């Protein structure tokens, strides 16, 4: 009798571990390790040109030294004339999105109205500028669109705001994305109403790849797992979740140079290995650029299985955003 009870208890315990993911294949898989992580190429899918210190030749030199294949996947604030120099010098190694500067300027001048009222002149101007860039090839996608950034954006004019994700103007942006087969990069915080609006957009535009900038910024691994389970067009970039910015709180940090801060994040990345990318985001110096790349390699890629690490480092971004 005791023998039967013991067998039943062990069986129940094993089933529990399987159901909760403990002892799963992903948990027991070998990780890439720091040495091999240093050798991986990286496709930087969330990068902003910072005009205060960056020049095209210096950026290319730094990318070469850090094994960065290409950079982009997000917008810029510099004037077109300055950006033309970067495009000319860097060619396909710079894959920038449009819409960030245009949306920031519209909000700074007119507040929320252009985003909630499609007939507003500023909305028409913003959409026209985005379409022009998509049509002539300057823009490889749309974003970074700061939609809900009340607590997770720098104190800069036009950046901190909360707008309805499924407003008429943002729907028009997604119409452009569908027309030009362009991905959209959106910066949102994980408020319940924002997520509900985001889900309505994902349902209405299933063919448009949506990259959640910074993985939803304030999301948990469970939040992202639930969304990815429901919507195949959702992708996440892990930029800025190392917590380098002073306006971050410890609860939203996914990894540091020492590894994952919450193991459930590693699990969800292994569960959806084709849906995550990395990004350096905005930095204030070349020293900080090198530091962020090092944290990505040592704190993230080194702790993933070899197959997943390669996908997250560059293969997913290359597939989604046209890298080579």
Protein backbone atom coordinates (compact mmCIF):
# COMPACT_ATOMS: atom_id res chain seq x y z
CA UNK A 1 0.00 0.00 0.00
CA UNK A 2 2.78 2.43 0.99
CA UNK A 3 4.63 1.51 -2.21
CA UNK A 4 1.55 2.39 -4.28
CA UNK A 5 1.13 5.71 -2.50
CA UNK A 6 4.81 6.55 -3.10
CA UNK A 7 4.53 5.77 -6.81
CA UNK A 8 1.37 7.89 -7.09
CA UNK A 9 3.03 10.80 -5.31
CA UNK A 10 6.10 10.69 -7.56
CA UNK A 11 3.89 10.47 -10.65
CA UNK A 12 1.84 13.47 -9.50
CA UNK A 13 5.02 15.45 -8.82
CA UNK A 14 6.38 14.65 -12.28
CA UNK A 15 3.14 15.74 -13.93
CA UNK A 16 3.22 18.97 -11.96
CA UNK A 17 6.73 19.75 -13.12
CA UNK A 18 5.81 19.04 -16.73
CA UNK A 19 2.68 21.20 -16.52
CA UNK A 20 4.53 24.14 -14.99
CA UNK A 21 7.45 23.95 -17.38
CA UNK A 22 9.98 22.79 -14.79
CA UNK A 23 12.29 20.13 -16.10
CA UNK A 24 11.18 20.92 -19.66
CA UNK A 25 13.42 20.46 -22.67
CA UNK A 26 14.02 24.21 -22.90
CA UNK A 27 15.05 24.38 -19.23
CA UNK A 28 17.59 21.60 -19.63
CA UNK A 29 18.98 22.71 -22.99
CA UNK A 30 22.61 23.89 -22.95
CA UNK A 31 23.09 27.63 -23.21
CA UNK A 32 25.33 29.35 -25.74
CA UNK A 33 27.81 30.73 -23.21
CA UNK A 34 29.69 34.02 -23.10
CA UNK A 35 32.55 33.07 -25.41
CA UNK A 36 30.30 32.08 -28.30
CA UNK A 37 27.95 34.98 -27.63
CA UNK A 38 30.84 37.34 -28.29
CA UNK A 39 31.27 35.82 -31.75
CA UNK A 40 27.65 36.14 -32.88
CA UNK A 41 26.76 38.85 -35.39
CA UNK A 42 23.97 41.16 -34.30
CA UNK A 43 21.28 42.86 -36.36
CA UNK A 44 20.30 45.94 -34.37
CA UNK A 45 16.52 46.12 -34.80
CA UNK A 46 15.94 49.14 -32.55
CA UNK A 47 18.47 51.88 -33.18
CA UNK A 48 18.27 55.67 -33.30
CA UNK A 49 20.88 57.85 -35.00
CA UNK A 50 21.92 60.37 -32.32
CA UNK A 51 23.09 63.51 -34.14
CA UNK A 52 24.86 65.03 -31.13
CA UNK A 53 27.88 62.76 -31.52
CA UNK A 54 27.35 60.27 -34.36
CA UNK A 55 28.84 60.59 -37.82
CA UNK A 56 28.40 57.97 -40.57
CA UNK A 57 32.04 56.85 -40.78
CA UNK A 58 32.39 56.56 -37.02
CA UNK A 59 29.14 54.61 -36.78
CA UNK A 60 30.26 52.16 -39.46
CA UNK A 61 33.60 51.70 -37.72
CA UNK A 62 31.90 51.01 -34.40
CA UNK A 63 29.45 48.58 -35.99
CA UNK A 64 32.32 46.68 -37.57
CA UNK A 65 34.23 46.47 -34.29
CA UNK A 66 31.12 45.21 -32.46
CA UNK A 67 30.02 42.77 -35.19
CA UNK A 68 26.80 44.68 -35.94
CA UNK A 69 25.47 43.68 -39.37
CA UNK A 70 23.00 46.54 -39.75
CA UNK A 71 21.07 48.99 -37.61
CA UNK A 72 17.58 50.42 -37.79
CA UNK A 73 14.07 49.29 -36.93
CA UNK A 74 13.24 52.61 -35.27
CA UNK A 75 12.95 56.28 -36.18
CA UNK A 76 15.07 59.40 -35.92
CA UNK A 77 14.74 63.07 -35.07
CA UNK A 78 17.55 64.55 -37.19
CA UNK A 79 16.79 66.73 -40.25
CA UNK A 80 16.45 64.99 -43.61
CA UNK A 81 19.61 66.63 -44.98
CA UNK A 82 21.69 65.13 -42.16
CA UNK A 83 20.05 61.73 -42.48
CA UNK A 84 20.75 61.74 -46.23
CA UNK A 85 24.46 61.69 -45.40
CA UNK A 86 23.98 58.59 -43.26
CA UNK A 87 21.94 56.83 -45.94
CA UNK A 88 24.51 57.64 -48.63
CA UNK A 89 27.48 56.46 -46.57
CA UNK A 90 25.87 53.40 -45.00
CA UNK A 91 23.58 52.02 -47.69
CA UNK A 92 21.77 48.87 -46.61
CA UNK A 93 23.54 48.83 -43.26
CA UNK A 94 21.13 51.55 -42.13
CA UNK A 95 17.46 50.51 -42.14
CA UNK A 96 15.55 53.29 -40.48
CA UNK A 97 11.82 53.64 -39.97
CA UNK A 98 9.76 56.76 -40.54
CA UNK A 99 7.04 58.27 -38.43
CA UNK A 100 8.80 58.95 -35.16
CA UNK A 101 9.93 62.47 -35.97
CA UNK A 102 6.67 63.23 -37.78
CA UNK A 103 4.49 62.02 -34.88
CA UNK A 104 6.63 63.69 -32.22
CA UNK A 105 6.42 67.02 -34.05
CA UNK A 106 2.65 66.69 -34.55
CA UNK A 107 2.09 66.05 -30.84
CA UNK A 108 4.47 68.80 -29.73
CA UNK A 109 2.56 71.35 -31.85
CA UNK A 110 -1.02 70.15 -31.58
CA UNK A 111 -1.32 67.66 -28.70
CA UNK A 112 -3.51 64.59 -29.06
CA UNK A 113 -5.98 66.01 -31.58
CA UNK A 114 -4.16 64.93 -34.80
CA UNK A 115 -4.02 61.35 -33.50
CA UNK A 116 -7.69 61.23 -32.56
CA UNK A 117 -9.06 63.26 -35.48
CA UNK A 118 -8.08 62.01 -38.92
CA UNK A 119 -9.33 65.21 -40.56
CA UNK A 120 -6.86 67.38 -38.64
CA UNK A 121 -4.33 68.99 -41.06
CA UNK A 122 -1.40 67.75 -38.96
CA UNK A 123 -2.67 64.17 -39.30
CA UNK A 124 -2.81 64.48 -43.08
CA UNK A 125 0.69 65.97 -43.14
CA UNK A 126 2.12 63.22 -40.94
CA UNK A 127 0.56 60.45 -43.03
CA UNK A 128 1.75 62.09 -46.25
CA UNK A 129 5.33 62.27 -44.97
CA UNK A 130 5.27 58.64 -43.86
CA UNK A 131 3.89 57.46 -47.19
CA UNK A 132 6.45 59.46 -49.15
CA UNK A 133 9.28 57.76 -47.28
CA UNK A 134 7.78 54.30 -47.74
CA UNK A 135 7.23 54.93 -51.44
CA UNK A 136 10.77 56.11 -52.20
CA UNK A 137 12.42 53.46 -50.02
CA UNK A 138 13.91 55.73 -47.35
CA UNK A 139 11.68 54.09 -44.73
CA UNK A 140 11.85 50.33 -44.19
CA UNK A 141 8.96 50.46 -41.76
CA UNK A 142 6.92 52.77 -39.54
CA UNK A 143 7.88 53.82 -36.03
CA UNK A 144 8.94 54.12 -33.34
CA UNK A 145 5.43 55.39 -32.61
CA UNK A 146 5.18 56.62 -29.02
CA UNK A 147 1.58 55.74 -28.19
CA UNK A 148 1.54 55.15 -24.44
CA UNK A 149 4.72 56.50 -22.86
CA UNK A 150 3.55 58.31 -19.75
CA UNK A 151 6.14 56.75 -17.44
CA UNK A 152 8.73 55.18 -19.73
CA UNK A 153 10.00 57.90 -22.02
CA UNK A 154 12.61 60.60 -21.45
CA UNK A 155 11.44 64.06 -20.43
CA UNK A 156 11.45 65.41 -23.97
CA UNK A 157 8.74 67.50 -25.68
CA UNK A 158 6.24 65.38 -27.52
CA UNK A 159 7.37 62.01 -26.16
CA UNK A 160 5.36 61.54 -22.95
CA UNK A 161 1.73 60.88 -23.79
CA UNK A 162 -1.07 58.32 -23.82
CA UNK A 163 -3.08 57.98 -27.02
CA UNK A 164 -5.67 55.42 -28.16
CA UNK A 165 -3.88 52.72 -30.16
CA UNK A 166 -6.92 52.11 -32.35
CA UNK A 167 -7.70 55.75 -33.13
CA UNK A 168 -8.69 56.67 -36.72
CA UNK A 169 -5.25 58.17 -37.36
CA UNK A 170 -3.35 55.12 -36.14
CA UNK A 171 -5.65 52.93 -38.22
CA UNK A 172 -4.64 55.04 -41.21
CA UNK A 173 -1.00 54.40 -40.31
CA UNK A 174 -1.71 50.67 -40.34
CA UNK A 175 -3.47 51.03 -43.69
CA UNK A 176 -0.18 52.42 -45.04
CA UNK A 177 1.73 49.57 -43.43
CA UNK A 178 -0.53 47.03 -45.09
CA UNK A 179 -0.34 48.81 -48.45
CA UNK A 180 3.47 48.93 -48.47
CA UNK A 181 3.98 45.63 -46.61
CA UNK A 182 5.85 47.49 -43.88
CA UNK A 183 6.34 46.52 -40.22
CA UNK A 184 5.18 48.88 -37.47
CA UNK A 185 7.13 49.57 -34.28
CA UNK A 186 5.02 50.75 -31.33
CA UNK A 187 6.04 51.94 -27.89
CA UNK A 188 3.28 51.13 -25.41
CA UNK A 189 2.98 50.61 -21.67
CA UNK A 190 1.00 47.61 -20.46
CA UNK A 191 -2.14 49.37 -19.26
CA UNK A 192 -5.29 47.26 -19.61
CA UNK A 193 -7.04 49.73 -21.93
CA UNK A 194 -3.96 50.12 -24.13
CA UNK A 195 -3.59 46.36 -24.47
CA UNK A 196 -7.28 45.99 -25.39
CA UNK A 197 -6.85 48.63 -28.10
CA UNK A 198 -3.67 46.94 -29.31
CA UNK A 199 -5.49 43.64 -29.63
CA UNK A 200 -8.17 45.26 -31.77
CA UNK A 201 -5.47 46.55 -34.10
CA UNK A 202 -3.76 43.15 -34.25
CA UNK A 203 -7.08 41.51 -35.10
CA UNK A 204 -7.86 44.06 -37.83
CA UNK A 205 -4.41 43.94 -39.44
CA UNK A 206 -3.19 40.33 -39.19
CA UNK A 207 -0.82 40.70 -42.17
CA UNK A 208 1.09 43.64 -40.65
CA UNK A 209 4.09 42.63 -38.53
CA UNK A 210 3.95 44.58 -35.27
CA UNK A 211 7.12 44.94 -33.25
CA UNK A 212 6.52 45.95 -29.64
CA UNK A 213 9.32 48.36 -28.84
CA UNK A 214 11.07 47.26 -25.66
CA UNK A 215 8.70 44.28 -25.46
CA UNK A 216 5.85 46.43 -24.25
CA UNK A 217 8.11 48.30 -21.84
CA UNK A 218 6.21 47.52 -18.61
CA UNK A 219 5.03 44.04 -19.61
CA UNK A 220 5.71 40.78 -17.84
CA UNK A 221 6.81 37.60 -19.56
CA UNK A 222 3.30 36.25 -18.98
CA UNK A 223 1.81 39.26 -20.76
CA UNK A 224 3.96 38.66 -23.82
CA UNK A 225 3.36 34.91 -23.79
CA UNK A 226 -0.41 35.48 -23.83
CA UNK A 227 -0.23 37.99 -26.69
CA UNK A 228 2.10 35.88 -28.82
CA UNK A 229 -0.09 32.84 -28.30
CA UNK A 230 -3.08 34.72 -29.72
CA UNK A 231 -1.44 36.77 -32.49
CA UNK A 232 1.15 35.45 -34.92
CA UNK A 233 2.06 38.95 -36.16
CA UNK A 234 3.42 40.12 -32.77
CA UNK A 235 7.17 40.49 -32.31
CA UNK A 236 9.23 41.97 -29.48
CA UNK A 237 12.48 43.82 -29.40
CA UNK A 238 14.40 43.56 -26.16
CA UNK A 239 15.99 47.00 -26.42
CA UNK A 240 16.32 49.14 -23.29
CA UNK A 241 15.08 46.35 -21.01
CA UNK A 242 18.63 45.97 -19.60
CA UNK A 243 17.54 49.02 -17.62
CA UNK A 244 20.23 51.47 -18.63
CA UNK A 245 17.92 54.49 -18.51
CA UNK A 246 17.47 56.35 -15.23
CA UNK A 247 13.68 56.45 -15.62
CA UNK A 248 13.47 52.67 -15.51
CA UNK A 249 12.33 50.81 -12.42
CA UNK A 250 13.92 47.47 -11.43
CA UNK A 251 10.66 45.61 -12.04
CA UNK A 252 10.85 46.08 -15.82
CA UNK A 253 14.48 45.02 -16.22
CA UNK A 254 14.66 41.73 -18.13
CA UNK A 255 18.41 41.17 -18.08
CA UNK A 256 21.65 42.74 -16.93
CA UNK A 257 25.26 41.87 -17.69
CA UNK A 258 24.89 39.05 -15.15
CA UNK A 259 21.95 37.36 -16.93
CA UNK A 260 18.18 37.22 -16.73
CA UNK A 261 16.61 38.95 -13.75
CA UNK A 262 13.46 36.84 -14.07
CA UNK A 263 13.78 33.32 -15.45
CA UNK A 264 10.30 33.38 -16.96
CA UNK A 265 11.58 35.78 -19.61
CA UNK A 266 14.15 33.25 -20.75
CA UNK A 267 11.41 30.64 -20.94
CA UNK A 268 9.08 32.74 -23.09
CA UNK A 269 11.91 33.61 -25.48
CA UNK A 270 12.71 29.91 -25.84
CA UNK A 271 9.00 29.17 -26.38
CA UNK A 272 8.76 31.76 -29.18
CA UNK A 273 12.32 31.85 -30.56
CA UNK A 274 11.25 33.36 -33.90
CA UNK A 275 9.57 36.42 -32.39
CA UNK A 276 12.30 38.31 -30.50
CA UNK A 277 15.00 40.72 -31.64
CA UNK A 278 17.61 42.91 -29.94
CA UNK A 279 18.39 46.60 -30.17
CA UNK A 280 20.89 49.10 -28.84
CA UNK A 281 18.32 51.93 -28.75
CA UNK A 282 19.54 55.46 -28.01
CA UNK A 283 22.92 55.98 -26.38
CA UNK A 284 24.79 59.13 -25.38
CA UNK A 285 28.36 58.11 -26.24
CA UNK A 286 30.39 55.46 -28.05
CA UNK A 287 31.41 54.11 -24.65
CA UNK A 288 27.77 53.55 -23.77
CA UNK A 289 27.19 51.95 -27.18
CA UNK A 290 29.93 49.38 -26.46
CA UNK A 291 28.56 48.78 -22.96
CA UNK A 292 25.04 48.06 -24.21
CA UNK A 293 26.33 45.64 -26.86
CA UNK A 294 28.30 43.85 -24.16
CA UNK A 295 25.24 43.54 -21.92
CA UNK A 296 23.20 42.11 -24.82
CA UNK A 297 25.85 39.48 -25.47
CA UNK A 298 26.77 38.55 -21.90
CA UNK A 299 23.42 39.03 -20.19
CA UNK A 300 21.00 37.81 -22.86
CA UNK A 301 22.47 35.84 -25.75
CA UNK A 302 24.90 33.87 -23.59
CA UNK A 303 22.01 32.52 -21.50
CA UNK A 304 19.88 31.28 -24.40
CA UNK A 305 20.16 27.97 -26.21
CA UNK A 306 22.50 28.21 -29.23
CA UNK A 307 19.69 27.96 -31.80
CA UNK A 308 17.56 30.60 -30.07
CA UNK A 309 20.52 32.91 -29.48
CA UNK A 310 21.28 33.00 -33.21
CA UNK A 311 17.69 33.81 -34.04
CA UNK A 312 17.42 36.57 -31.44
CA UNK A 313 20.80 38.05 -32.32
CA UNK A 314 20.25 38.47 -36.05
CA UNK A 315 18.21 35.84 -37.90
CA UNK A 316 14.77 37.08 -36.81
CA UNK A 317 15.56 40.69 -37.61
CA UNK A 318 17.05 39.75 -40.98
CA UNK A 319 13.91 37.82 -41.88
CA UNK A 320 11.47 40.45 -40.69
CA UNK A 321 13.22 43.60 -41.79
CA UNK A 322 15.16 42.66 -44.89
CA UNK A 323 18.68 42.28 -43.56
CA UNK A 324 21.38 40.30 -45.32
